């Protein structure tokens, strides 16, 4: 089961650099979360097979993707407001999108 969860996360990680894959980061985070849950749930049964350092690294990897996911969600929310904006608000909306784009990791392969 753990290998299946790891394969799912690894498969999603390979898709992170693809700019058109809007679900890659989400799928990667889901894969990591499911792997962490499994490792916690079966911790005693896996004792000695999975190092504590590895479990901590998986947790840290999930935490490291928090800001990228927050940016993705906020960007999606802002883009959803596009049609409802008054012309006087459009300049601020554009500025927010530009600022958000600057904070977005250009290359998610580091995750």
PDB file of N, CA and C in Angstrom:
ATOM      1  N   UNK A   1       0.819  -1.194   0.000  1.00  0.00           N
ATOM      2  CA  UNK A   1       0.000   0.000   0.000  1.00  0.00           C
ATOM      3  C   UNK A   1       0.865   1.261   0.000  1.00  0.00           C
ATOM      4  N   UNK A   2       1.907   1.245   0.783  1.00  0.00           N
ATOM      5  CA  UNK A   2       2.779   2.420   0.854  1.00  0.00           C
ATOM      6  C   UNK A   2       3.455   2.677  -0.487  1.00  0.00           C
ATOM      7  N   UNK A   3       3.872   1.625  -1.150  1.00  0.00           N
ATOM      8  CA  UNK A   3       4.512   1.793  -2.458  1.00  0.00           C
ATOM      9  C   UNK A   3       3.531   2.344  -3.486  1.00  0.00           C
ATOM     10  N   UNK A   4       2.275   1.923  -3.390  1.00  0.00           N
ATOM     11  CA  UNK A   4       1.248   2.442  -4.296  1.00  0.00           C
ATOM     12  C   UNK A   4       1.066   3.942  -4.066  1.00  0.00           C
ATOM     13  N   UNK A   5       0.998   4.353  -2.802  1.00  0.00           N
ATOM     14  CA  UNK A   5       0.852   5.776  -2.474  1.00  0.00           C
ATOM     15  C   UNK A   5       2.076   6.569  -2.927  1.00  0.00           C
ATOM     16  N   UNK A   6       3.241   5.992  -2.748  1.00  0.00           N
ATOM     17  CA  UNK A   6       4.470   6.644  -3.172  1.00  0.00           C
ATOM     18  C   UNK A   6       4.506   6.794  -4.695  1.00  0.00           C
ATOM     19  N   UNK A   7       4.085   5.768  -5.413  1.00  0.00           N
ATOM     20  CA  UNK A   7       4.033   5.834  -6.877  1.00  0.00           C
ATOM     21  C   UNK A   7       3.077   6.924  -7.349  1.00  0.00           C
ATOM     22  N   UNK A   8       1.935   7.057  -6.672  1.00  0.00           N
ATOM     23  CA  UNK A   8       0.958   8.093  -7.033  1.00  0.00           C
ATOM     24  C   UNK A   8       1.561   9.487  -6.856  1.00  0.00           C
ATOM     25  N   UNK A   9       2.227   9.702  -5.736  1.00  0.00           N
ATOM     26  CA  UNK A   9       2.850  11.003  -5.484  1.00  0.00           C
ATOM     27  C   UNK A   9       3.978  11.266  -6.482  1.00  0.00           C
ATOM     28  N   UNK A  10       4.767  10.245  -6.772  1.00  0.00           N
ATOM     29  CA  UNK A  10       5.879  10.396  -7.718  1.00  0.00           C
ATOM     30  C   UNK A  10       5.357  10.683  -9.125  1.00  0.00           C
ATOM     31  N   UNK A  11       4.269  10.034  -9.499  1.00  0.00           N
ATOM     32  CA  UNK A  11       3.678  10.284 -10.811  1.00  0.00           C
ATOM     33  C   UNK A  11       3.199  11.725 -10.941  1.00  0.00           C
ATOM     34  N   UNK A  12       2.579  12.229  -9.901  1.00  0.00           N
ATOM     35  CA  UNK A  12       2.121  13.617  -9.906  1.00  0.00           C
ATOM     36  C   UNK A  12       3.312  14.570  -9.892  1.00  0.00           C
ATOM     37  N   UNK A  13       4.378  14.214  -9.186  1.00  0.00           N
ATOM     38  CA  UNK A  13       5.573  15.067  -9.130  1.00  0.00           C
ATOM     39  C   UNK A  13       6.194  15.240 -10.513  1.00  0.00           C
ATOM     40  N   UNK A  14       6.127  14.206 -11.324  1.00  0.00           N
ATOM     41  CA  UNK A  14       6.666  14.299 -12.686  1.00  0.00           C
ATOM     42  C   UNK A  14       5.869  15.281 -13.539  1.00  0.00           C
ATOM     43  N   UNK A  15       4.612  15.511 -13.163  1.00  0.00           N
ATOM     44  CA  UNK A  15       3.762  16.417 -13.925  1.00  0.00           C
ATOM     45  C   UNK A  15       3.894  17.870 -13.470  1.00  0.00           C
ATOM     46  N   UNK A  16       4.571  18.120 -12.359  1.00  0.00           N
ATOM     47  CA  UNK A  16       4.676  19.481 -11.821  1.00  0.00           C
ATOM     48  C   UNK A  16       5.258  20.487 -12.812  1.00  0.00           C
ATOM     49  N   UNK A  17       6.278  20.146 -13.582  1.00  0.00           N
ATOM     50  CA  UNK A  17       6.843  21.142 -14.504  1.00  0.00           C
ATOM     51  C   UNK A  17       5.962  21.450 -15.724  1.00  0.00           C
ATOM     52  N   UNK A  18       4.905  20.678 -15.939  1.00  0.00           N
ATOM     53  CA  UNK A  18       4.041  20.894 -17.104  1.00  0.00           C
ATOM     54  C   UNK A  18       3.124  22.086 -16.830  1.00  0.00           C
ATOM     55  N   UNK A  19       3.298  23.189 -17.559  1.00  0.00           N
ATOM     56  CA  UNK A  19       2.544  24.406 -17.253  1.00  0.00           C
ATOM     57  C   UNK A  19       1.027  24.251 -17.411  1.00  0.00           C
ATOM     58  N   UNK A  20       0.579  23.406 -18.311  1.00  0.00           N
ATOM     59  CA  UNK A  20      -0.855  23.260 -18.568  1.00  0.00           C
ATOM     60  C   UNK A  20      -1.546  22.295 -17.616  1.00  0.00           C
ATOM     61  N   UNK A  21      -0.801  21.649 -16.755  1.00  0.00           N
ATOM     62  CA  UNK A  21      -1.390  20.669 -15.838  1.00  0.00           C
ATOM     63  C   UNK A  21      -1.775  21.362 -14.531  1.00  0.00           C
ATOM     64  N   UNK A  22      -2.994  21.848 -14.490  1.00  0.00           N
ATOM     65  CA  UNK A  22      -3.461  22.606 -13.330  1.00  0.00           C
ATOM     66  C   UNK A  22      -3.676  21.735 -12.101  1.00  0.00           C
ATOM     67  N   UNK A  23      -3.776  20.434 -12.282  1.00  0.00           N
ATOM     68  CA  UNK A  23      -4.058  19.537 -11.163  1.00  0.00           C
ATOM     69  C   UNK A  23      -2.820  18.844 -10.598  1.00  0.00           C
ATOM     70  N   UNK A  24      -1.666  19.040 -11.204  1.00  0.00           N
ATOM     71  CA  UNK A  24      -0.458  18.319 -10.794  1.00  0.00           C
ATOM     72  C   UNK A  24      -0.100  18.578  -9.331  1.00  0.00           C
ATOM     73  N   UNK A  25      -0.088  19.839  -8.934  1.00  0.00           N
ATOM     74  CA  UNK A  25       0.287  20.160  -7.551  1.00  0.00           C
ATOM     75  C   UNK A  25      -0.734  19.584  -6.571  1.00  0.00           C
ATOM     76  N   UNK A  26      -2.003  19.723  -6.915  1.00  0.00           N
ATOM     77  CA  UNK A  26      -3.057  19.164  -6.065  1.00  0.00           C
ATOM     78  C   UNK A  26      -2.883  17.646  -5.932  1.00  0.00           C
ATOM     79  N   UNK A  27      -2.681  16.967  -7.052  1.00  0.00           N
ATOM     80  CA  UNK A  27      -2.521  15.509  -7.028  1.00  0.00           C
ATOM     81  C   UNK A  27      -1.282  15.090  -6.243  1.00  0.00           C
ATOM     82  N   UNK A  28      -0.219  15.867  -6.370  1.00  0.00           N
ATOM     83  CA  UNK A  28       1.012  15.588  -5.634  1.00  0.00           C
ATOM     84  C   UNK A  28       0.765  15.700  -4.129  1.00  0.00           C
ATOM     85  N   UNK A  29       0.080  16.764  -3.735  1.00  0.00           N
ATOM     86  CA  UNK A  29      -0.206  16.967  -2.310  1.00  0.00           C
ATOM     87  C   UNK A  29      -1.135  15.887  -1.765  1.00  0.00           C
ATOM     88  N   UNK A  30      -2.123  15.484  -2.557  1.00  0.00           N
ATOM     89  CA  UNK A  30      -3.022  14.404  -2.137  1.00  0.00           C
ATOM     90  C   UNK A  30      -2.231  13.113  -1.969  1.00  0.00           C
ATOM     91  N   UNK A  31      -1.345  12.820  -2.919  1.00  0.00           N
ATOM     92  CA  UNK A  31      -0.518  11.613  -2.822  1.00  0.00           C
ATOM     93  C   UNK A  31       0.348  11.616  -1.574  1.00  0.00           C
ATOM     94  N   UNK A  32       0.952  12.769  -1.273  1.00  0.00           N
ATOM     95  CA  UNK A  32       1.773  12.881  -0.064  1.00  0.00           C
ATOM     96  C   UNK A  32       0.942  12.719   1.199  1.00  0.00           C
ATOM     97  N   UNK A  33      -0.227  13.359   1.213  1.00  0.00           N
ATOM     98  CA  UNK A  33      -1.089  13.276   2.394  1.00  0.00           C
ATOM     99  C   UNK A  33      -1.546  11.837   2.644  1.00  0.00           C
ATOM    100  N   UNK A  34      -1.889  11.139   1.571  1.00  0.00           N
ATOM    101  CA  UNK A  34      -2.311   9.743   1.719  1.00  0.00           C
ATOM    102  C   UNK A  34      -1.155   8.863   2.176  1.00  0.00           C
ATOM    103  N   UNK A  35       0.037   9.141   1.682  1.00  0.00           N
ATOM    104  CA  UNK A  35       1.213   8.394   2.114  1.00  0.00           C
ATOM    105  C   UNK A  35       1.486   8.655   3.594  1.00  0.00           C
ATOM    106  N   UNK A  36       1.433   9.922   4.017  1.00  0.00           N
ATOM    107  CA  UNK A  36       1.653  10.259   5.428  1.00  0.00           C
ATOM    108  C   UNK A  36       0.620   9.579   6.325  1.00  0.00           C
ATOM    109  N   UNK A  37      -0.628   9.581   5.892  1.00  0.00           N
ATOM    110  CA  UNK A  37      -1.691   8.945   6.679  1.00  0.00           C
ATOM    111  C   UNK A  37      -1.430   7.458   6.814  1.00  0.00           C
ATOM    112  N   UNK A  38      -1.031   6.833   5.728  1.00  0.00           N
ATOM    113  CA  UNK A  38      -0.752   5.400   5.764  1.00  0.00           C
ATOM    114  C   UNK A  38       0.434   5.105   6.687  1.00  0.00           C
ATOM    115  N   UNK A  39       1.465   5.913   6.591  1.00  0.00           N
ATOM    116  CA  UNK A  39       2.648   5.697   7.433  1.00  0.00           C
ATOM    117  C   UNK A  39       2.310   5.884   8.912  1.00  0.00           C
ATOM    118  N   UNK A  40       1.449   6.833   9.210  1.00  0.00           N
ATOM    119  CA  UNK A  40       1.014   7.023  10.598  1.00  0.00           C
ATOM    120  C   UNK A  40       0.142   5.865  11.060  1.00  0.00           C
ATOM    121  N   UNK A  41      -0.794   5.463  10.216  1.00  0.00           N
ATOM    122  CA  UNK A  41      -1.744   4.410  10.590  1.00  0.00           C
ATOM    123  C   UNK A  41      -1.071   3.060  10.795  1.00  0.00           C
ATOM    124  N   UNK A  42      -0.081   2.775   9.978  1.00  0.00           N
ATOM    125  CA  UNK A  42       0.589   1.478  10.043  1.00  0.00           C
ATOM    126  C   UNK A  42       2.001   1.605  10.600  1.00  0.00           C
ATOM    127  N   UNK A  43       2.216   2.644  11.380  1.00  0.00           N
ATOM    128  CA  UNK A  43       3.541   2.908  11.929  1.00  0.00           C
ATOM    129  C   UNK A  43       4.155   1.732  12.661  1.00  0.00           C
ATOM    130  N   UNK A  44       3.360   1.087  13.507  1.00  0.00           N
ATOM    131  CA  UNK A  44       3.891  -0.046  14.271  1.00  0.00           C
ATOM    132  C   UNK A  44       4.225  -1.221  13.361  1.00  0.00           C
ATOM    133  N   UNK A  45       3.365  -1.495  12.411  1.00  0.00           N
ATOM    134  CA  UNK A  45       3.597  -2.620  11.503  1.00  0.00           C
ATOM    135  C   UNK A  45       4.800  -2.368  10.599  1.00  0.00           C
ATOM    136  N   UNK A  46       5.051  -1.100  10.291  1.00  0.00           N
ATOM    137  CA  UNK A  46       6.164  -0.754   9.401  1.00  0.00           C
ATOM    138  C   UNK A  46       7.455  -0.455  10.148  1.00  0.00           C
ATOM    139  N   UNK A  47       7.407  -0.521  11.470  1.00  0.00           N
ATOM    140  CA  UNK A  47       8.571  -0.181  12.277  1.00  0.00           C
ATOM    141  C   UNK A  47       9.794  -0.957  11.807  1.00  0.00           C
ATOM    142  N   UNK A  48      10.860  -0.222  11.601  1.00  0.00           N
ATOM    143  CA  UNK A  48      12.097  -0.837  11.141  1.00  0.00           C
ATOM    144  C   UNK A  48      12.205  -0.875   9.620  1.00  0.00           C
ATOM    145  N   UNK A  49      11.085  -0.687   8.930  1.00  0.00           N
ATOM    146  CA  UNK A  49      11.095  -0.718   7.462  1.00  0.00           C
ATOM    147  C   UNK A  49      11.113   0.684   6.869  1.00  0.00           C
ATOM    148  N   UNK A  50      10.524   1.631   7.586  1.00  0.00           N
ATOM    149  CA  UNK A  50      10.509   3.016   7.148  1.00  0.00           C
ATOM    150  C   UNK A  50      11.162   3.846   8.237  1.00  0.00           C
ATOM    151  N   UNK A  51      12.248   4.512   7.867  1.00  0.00           N
ATOM    152  CA  UNK A  51      12.973   5.304   8.851  1.00  0.00           C
ATOM    153  C   UNK A  51      12.184   6.534   9.272  1.00  0.00           C
ATOM    154  N   UNK A  52      12.341   6.900  10.504  1.00  0.00           N
ATOM    155  CA  UNK A  52      11.673   8.089  11.047  1.00  0.00           C
ATOM    156  C   UNK A  52      12.066   9.331  10.239  1.00  0.00           C
ATOM    157  N   UNK A  53      13.296   9.372   9.814  1.00  0.00           N
ATOM    158  CA  UNK A  53      13.803  10.489   9.014  1.00  0.00           C
ATOM    159  C   UNK A  53      13.024  10.599   7.694  1.00  0.00           C
ATOM    160  N   UNK A  54      12.671   9.478   7.119  1.00  0.00           N
ATOM    161  CA  UNK A  54      11.904   9.458   5.873  1.00  0.00           C
ATOM    162  C   UNK A  54      10.495   9.988   6.102  1.00  0.00           C
ATOM    163  N   UNK A  55       9.876   9.578   7.195  1.00  0.00           N
ATOM    164  CA  UNK A  55       8.528  10.052   7.526  1.00  0.00           C
ATOM    165  C   UNK A  55       8.543  11.569   7.713  1.00  0.00           C
ATOM    166  N   UNK A  56       9.553  12.080   8.401  1.00  0.00           N
ATOM    167  CA  UNK A  56       9.675  13.526   8.598  1.00  0.00           C
ATOM    168  C   UNK A  56       9.902  14.248   7.267  1.00  0.00           C
ATOM    169  N   UNK A  57      10.668  13.641   6.381  1.00  0.00           N
ATOM    170  CA  UNK A  57      10.926  14.249   5.071  1.00  0.00           C
ATOM    171  C   UNK A  57       9.649  14.339   4.245  1.00  0.00           C
ATOM    172  N   UNK A  58       8.806  13.313   4.320  1.00  0.00           N
ATOM    173  CA  UNK A  58       7.526  13.332   3.602  1.00  0.00           C
ATOM    174  C   UNK A  58       6.644  14.453   4.164  1.00  0.00           C
ATOM    175  N   UNK A  59       6.609  14.593   5.472  1.00  0.00           N
ATOM    176  CA  UNK A  59       5.827  15.653   6.112  1.00  0.00           C
ATOM    177  C   UNK A  59       6.356  17.029   5.697  1.00  0.00           C
ATOM    178  N   UNK A  60       7.656  17.181   5.712  1.00  0.00           N
ATOM    179  CA  UNK A  60       8.273  18.456   5.343  1.00  0.00           C
ATOM    180  C   UNK A  60       7.993  18.802   3.876  1.00  0.00           C
ATOM    181  N   UNK A  61       8.021  17.799   3.034  1.00  0.00           N
ATOM    182  CA  UNK A  61       7.742  18.003   1.616  1.00  0.00           C
ATOM    183  C   UNK A  61       6.319  18.526   1.416  1.00  0.00           C
ATOM    184  N   UNK A  62       5.381  17.973   2.144  1.00  0.00           N
ATOM    185  CA  UNK A  62       4.009  18.463   2.081  1.00  0.00           C
ATOM    186  C   UNK A  62       3.899  19.901   2.539  1.00  0.00           C
ATOM    187  N   UNK A  63       4.571  20.228   3.635  1.00  0.00           N
ATOM    188  CA  UNK A  63       4.558  21.599   4.159  1.00  0.00           C
ATOM    189  C   UNK A  63       5.193  22.573   3.172  1.00  0.00           C
ATOM    190  N   UNK A  64       6.233  22.123   2.494  1.00  0.00           N
ATOM    191  CA  UNK A  64       6.941  22.992   1.543  1.00  0.00           C
ATOM    192  C   UNK A  64       6.084  23.369   0.339  1.00  0.00           C
ATOM    193  N   UNK A  65       5.022  22.618   0.099  1.00  0.00           N
ATOM    194  CA  UNK A  65       4.153  22.926  -1.044  1.00  0.00           C
ATOM    195  C   UNK A  65       2.973  23.817  -0.650  1.00  0.00           C
ATOM    196  N   UNK A  66       2.850  24.143   0.638  1.00  0.00           N
ATOM    197  CA  UNK A  66       1.711  24.943   1.098  1.00  0.00           C
ATOM    198  C   UNK A  66       1.598  26.284   0.383  1.00  0.00           C
ATOM    199  N   UNK A  67       2.678  27.029   0.304  1.00  0.00           N
ATOM    200  CA  UNK A  67       2.597  28.364  -0.290  1.00  0.00           C
ATOM    201  C   UNK A  67       2.295  28.283  -1.788  1.00  0.00           C
ATOM    202  N   UNK A  68       2.835  27.287  -2.463  1.00  0.00           N
ATOM    203  CA  UNK A  68       2.546  27.135  -3.892  1.00  0.00           C
ATOM    204  C   UNK A  68       1.066  26.836  -4.107  1.00  0.00           C
ATOM    205  N   UNK A  69       0.501  25.988  -3.264  1.00  0.00           N
ATOM    206  CA  UNK A  69      -0.926  25.661  -3.389  1.00  0.00           C
ATOM    207  C   UNK A  69      -1.786  26.871  -3.023  1.00  0.00           C
ATOM    208  N   UNK A  70      -1.407  27.605  -1.982  1.00  0.00           N
ATOM    209  CA  UNK A  70      -2.150  28.813  -1.613  1.00  0.00           C
ATOM    210  C   UNK A  70      -2.164  29.808  -2.775  1.00  0.00           C
ATOM    211  N   UNK A  71      -1.022  29.957  -3.429  1.00  0.00           N
ATOM    212  CA  UNK A  71      -0.923  30.856  -4.576  1.00  0.00           C
ATOM    213  C   UNK A  71      -1.825  30.387  -5.706  1.00  0.00           C
ATOM    214  N   UNK A  72      -1.809  29.097  -5.977  1.00  0.00           N
ATOM    215  CA  UNK A  72      -2.657  28.527  -7.023  1.00  0.00           C
ATOM    216  C   UNK A  72      -4.140  28.775  -6.740  1.00  0.00           C
ATOM    217  N   UNK A  73      -4.555  28.554  -5.519  1.00  0.00           N
ATOM    218  CA  UNK A  73      -5.959  28.726  -5.140  1.00  0.00           C
ATOM    219  C   UNK A  73      -6.361  30.195  -5.237  1.00  0.00           C
ATOM    220  N   UNK A  74      -5.521  31.097  -4.750  1.00  0.00           N
ATOM    221  CA  UNK A  74      -5.830  32.523  -4.804  1.00  0.00           C
ATOM    222  C   UNK A  74      -5.904  33.006  -6.251  1.00  0.00           C
ATOM    223  N   UNK A  75      -4.993  32.540  -7.075  1.00  0.00           N
ATOM    224  CA  UNK A  75      -5.007  32.916  -8.491  1.00  0.00           C
ATOM    225  C   UNK A  75      -6.308  32.461  -9.162  1.00  0.00           C
ATOM    226  N   UNK A  76      -6.724  31.265  -8.872  1.00  0.00           N
ATOM    227  CA  UNK A  76      -7.968  30.739  -9.431  1.00  0.00           C
ATOM    228  C   UNK A  76      -9.171  31.562  -8.959  1.00  0.00           C
ATOM    229  N   UNK A  77      -9.174  31.912  -7.687  1.00  0.00           N
ATOM    230  CA  UNK A  77     -10.251  32.724  -7.132  1.00  0.00           C
ATOM    231  C   UNK A  77     -10.311  34.087  -7.816  1.00  0.00           C
ATOM    232  N   UNK A  78      -9.159  34.735  -7.948  1.00  0.00           N
ATOM    233  CA  UNK A  78      -9.114  36.051  -8.594  1.00  0.00           C
ATOM    234  C   UNK A  78      -9.578  35.982 -10.043  1.00  0.00           C
ATOM    235  N   UNK A  79      -9.148  34.971 -10.760  1.00  0.00           N
ATOM    236  CA  UNK A  79      -9.551  34.833 -12.164  1.00  0.00           C
ATOM    237  C   UNK A  79     -11.054  34.588 -12.280  1.00  0.00           C
ATOM    238  N   UNK A  80     -11.637  33.972 -11.288  1.00  0.00           N
ATOM    239  CA  UNK A  80     -13.076  33.748 -11.285  1.00  0.00           C
ATOM    240  C   UNK A  80     -13.873  35.030 -11.133  1.00  0.00           C
ATOM    241  N   UNK A  81     -13.257  36.065 -10.630  1.00  0.00           N
ATOM    242  CA  UNK A  81     -13.927  37.355 -10.448  1.00  0.00           C
ATOM    243  C   UNK A  81     -13.883  38.217 -11.705  1.00  0.00           C
ATOM    244  N   UNK A  82     -13.167  37.794 -12.705  1.00  0.00           N
ATOM    245  CA  UNK A  82     -12.909  38.586 -13.911  1.00  0.00           C
ATOM    246  C   UNK A  82     -14.163  39.244 -14.476  1.00  0.00           C
ATOM    247  N   UNK A  83     -15.190  38.484 -14.722  1.00  0.00           N
ATOM    248  CA  UNK A  83     -16.390  39.010 -15.383  1.00  0.00           C
ATOM    249  C   UNK A  83     -17.231  39.912 -14.482  1.00  0.00           C
ATOM    250  N   UNK A  84     -17.116  39.750 -13.179  1.00  0.00           N
ATOM    251  CA  UNK A  84     -17.924  40.532 -12.244  1.00  0.00           C
ATOM    252  C   UNK A  84     -17.279  41.868 -11.854  1.00  0.00           C
ATOM    253  N   UNK A  85     -16.050  42.105 -12.300  1.00  0.00           N
ATOM    254  CA  UNK A  85     -15.337  43.320 -11.891  1.00  0.00           C
ATOM    255  C   UNK A  85     -15.882  44.571 -12.558  1.00  0.00           C
ATOM    256  N   UNK A  86     -15.927  45.620 -11.784  1.00  0.00           N
ATOM    257  CA  UNK A  86     -16.248  46.927 -12.340  1.00  0.00           C
ATOM    258  C   UNK A  86     -14.978  47.462 -12.996  1.00  0.00           C
ATOM    259  N   UNK A  87     -15.123  48.255 -14.042  1.00  0.00           N
ATOM    260  CA  UNK A  87     -13.934  48.792 -14.725  1.00  0.00           C
ATOM    261  C   UNK A  87     -12.965  49.511 -13.780  1.00  0.00           C
ATOM    262  N   UNK A  88     -13.491  50.179 -12.771  1.00  0.00           N
ATOM    263  CA  UNK A  88     -12.617  50.909 -11.835  1.00  0.00           C
ATOM    264  C   UNK A  88     -11.788  49.968 -10.954  1.00  0.00           C
ATOM    265  N   UNK A  89     -12.172  48.721 -10.859  1.00  0.00           N
ATOM    266  CA  UNK A  89     -11.443  47.753 -10.043  1.00  0.00           C
ATOM    267  C   UNK A  89     -10.449  46.926 -10.850  1.00  0.00           C
ATOM    268  N   UNK A  90     -10.536  46.991 -12.162  1.00  0.00           N
ATOM    269  CA  UNK A  90      -9.719  46.133 -13.017  1.00  0.00           C
ATOM    270  C   UNK A  90      -8.220  46.372 -12.835  1.00  0.00           C
ATOM    271  N   UNK A  91      -7.798  47.612 -12.650  1.00  0.00           N
ATOM    272  CA  UNK A  91      -6.364  47.904 -12.500  1.00  0.00           C
ATOM    273  C   UNK A  91      -5.803  47.217 -11.253  1.00  0.00           C
ATOM    274  N   UNK A  92      -6.541  47.293 -10.148  1.00  0.00           N
ATOM    275  CA  UNK A  92      -6.092  46.636  -8.920  1.00  0.00           C
ATOM    276  C   UNK A  92      -6.088  45.126  -9.066  1.00  0.00           C
ATOM    277  N   UNK A  93      -7.085  44.596  -9.752  1.00  0.00           N
ATOM    278  CA  UNK A  93      -7.180  43.155  -9.999  1.00  0.00           C
ATOM    279  C   UNK A  93      -5.982  42.682 -10.824  1.00  0.00           C
ATOM    280  N   UNK A  94      -5.660  43.432 -11.892  1.00  0.00           N
ATOM    281  CA  UNK A  94      -4.499  43.082 -12.725  1.00  0.00           C
ATOM    282  C   UNK A  94      -3.208  43.141 -11.919  1.00  0.00           C
ATOM    283  N   UNK A  95      -3.091  44.170 -11.080  1.00  0.00           N
ATOM    284  CA  UNK A  95      -1.881  44.311 -10.248  1.00  0.00           C
ATOM    285  C   UNK A  95      -1.743  43.118  -9.299  1.00  0.00           C
ATOM    286  N   UNK A  96      -2.858  42.675  -8.728  1.00  0.00           N
ATOM    287  CA  UNK A  96      -2.816  41.507  -7.839  1.00  0.00           C
ATOM    288  C   UNK A  96      -2.372  40.259  -8.586  1.00  0.00           C
ATOM    289  N   UNK A  97      -2.896  40.062  -9.790  1.00  0.00           N
ATOM    290  CA  UNK A  97      -2.505  38.888 -10.575  1.00  0.00           C
ATOM    291  C   UNK A  97      -1.026  38.926 -10.942  1.00  0.00           C
ATOM    292  N   UNK A  98      -0.528  40.100 -11.292  1.00  0.00           N
ATOM    293  CA  UNK A  98       0.903  40.235 -11.628  1.00  0.00           C
ATOM    294  C   UNK A  98       1.758  39.940 -10.401  1.00  0.00           C
ATOM    295  N   UNK A  99       1.358  40.502  -9.271  1.00  0.00           N
ATOM    296  CA  UNK A  99       2.119  40.283  -8.025  1.00  0.00           C
ATOM    297  C   UNK A  99       2.098  38.807  -7.633  1.00  0.00           C
ATOM    298  N   UNK A 100       0.952  38.186  -7.804  1.00  0.00           N
ATOM    299  CA  UNK A 100       0.806  36.775  -7.483  1.00  0.00           C
ATOM    300  C   UNK A 100       1.688  35.921  -8.397  1.00  0.00           C
ATOM    301  N   UNK A 101       1.731  36.278  -9.671  1.00  0.00           N
ATOM    302  CA  UNK A 101       2.549  35.532 -10.629  1.00  0.00           C
ATOM    303  C   UNK A 101       4.030  35.593 -10.247  1.00  0.00           C
ATOM    304  N   UNK A 102       4.450  36.700  -9.656  1.00  0.00           N
ATOM    305  CA  UNK A 102       5.848  36.846  -9.238  1.00  0.00           C
ATOM    306  C   UNK A 102       6.183  35.971  -8.043  1.00  0.00           C
ATOM    307  N   UNK A 103       5.189  35.681  -7.206  1.00  0.00           N
ATOM    308  CA  UNK A 103       5.443  34.857  -6.027  1.00  0.00           C
ATOM    309  C   UNK A 103       5.308  33.376  -6.325  1.00  0.00           C
ATOM    310  N   UNK A 104       4.700  33.056  -7.452  1.00  0.00           N
ATOM    311  CA  UNK A 104       4.475  31.662  -7.834  1.00  0.00           C
ATOM    312  C   UNK A 104       5.796  31.033  -8.250  1.00  0.00           C
ATOM    313  N   UNK A 105       6.107  29.848  -7.726  1.00  0.00           N
ATOM    314  CA  UNK A 105       7.345  29.192  -8.137  1.00  0.00           C
ATOM    315  C   UNK A 105       7.352  28.947  -9.639  1.00  0.00           C
ATOM    316  N   UNK A 106       8.392  29.395 -10.308  1.00  0.00           N
ATOM    317  CA  UNK A 106       8.478  29.231 -11.758  1.00  0.00           C
ATOM    318  C   UNK A 106       8.679  27.770 -12.116  1.00  0.00           C
ATOM    319  N   UNK A 107       9.346  27.054 -11.265  1.00  0.00           N
ATOM    320  CA  UNK A 107       9.656  25.660 -11.539  1.00  0.00           C
ATOM    321  C   UNK A 107       9.370  24.840 -10.289  1.00  0.00           C
ATOM    322  N   UNK A 108       8.364  24.004 -10.348  1.00  0.00           N
ATOM    323  CA  UNK A 108       7.969  23.226  -9.191  1.00  0.00           C
ATOM    324  C   UNK A 108       8.752  21.916  -9.069  1.00  0.00           C
ATOM    325  N   UNK A 109       9.737  21.711  -9.907  1.00  0.00           N
ATOM    326  CA  UNK A 109      10.509  20.462  -9.808  1.00  0.00           C
ATOM    327  C   UNK A 109      11.264  20.353  -8.507  1.00  0.00           C
ATOM    328  N   UNK A 110      11.456  21.471  -7.810  1.00  0.00           N
ATOM    329  CA  UNK A 110      12.132  21.440  -6.510  1.00  0.00           C
ATOM    330  C   UNK A 110      11.320  20.733  -5.444  1.00  0.00           C
ATOM    331  N   UNK A 111      10.045  20.497  -5.717  1.00  0.00           N
ATOM    332  CA  UNK A 111       9.182  19.819  -4.752  1.00  0.00           C
ATOM    333  C   UNK A 111       9.291  18.372  -4.985  1.00  0.00           C
TER     334      UNK A 111
END
